[in-house]
């Protein structure tokens, strides 16, 4: 049976809902959003939401598997991951990055 599809908005709601379970930080050198569930800042937002929803742990580079597990389309997951890493400058990526900063209670740098 196929997994239900998760939209970007639903993903952001899940991220906000579970943020109390996370230690959240911005990698000081690379300006990447990183999340810890077990001590080290070793998760991207997609793998973090996956672990909180399913209990399945994926490494930071395994966001595709995590996205499939929660029903998040790979195209959307890619944009979210790249926005968290501040690697994508599209309107969508900028929107996702702003949303993640807002729902996680982070302060954006003013450039």
Foldseek 3Di string as FASTA:
>chain_A
DAADADELVNLLVLCLVCLVQWDWDQDVPQRATFIDNDPDRFAHSLQVSLCVVPVDHDTRVPSVVSCRSNNYDPVSSVLLRCLRSVNDDDPSSVVSVVSSCVSNVHDDDDD
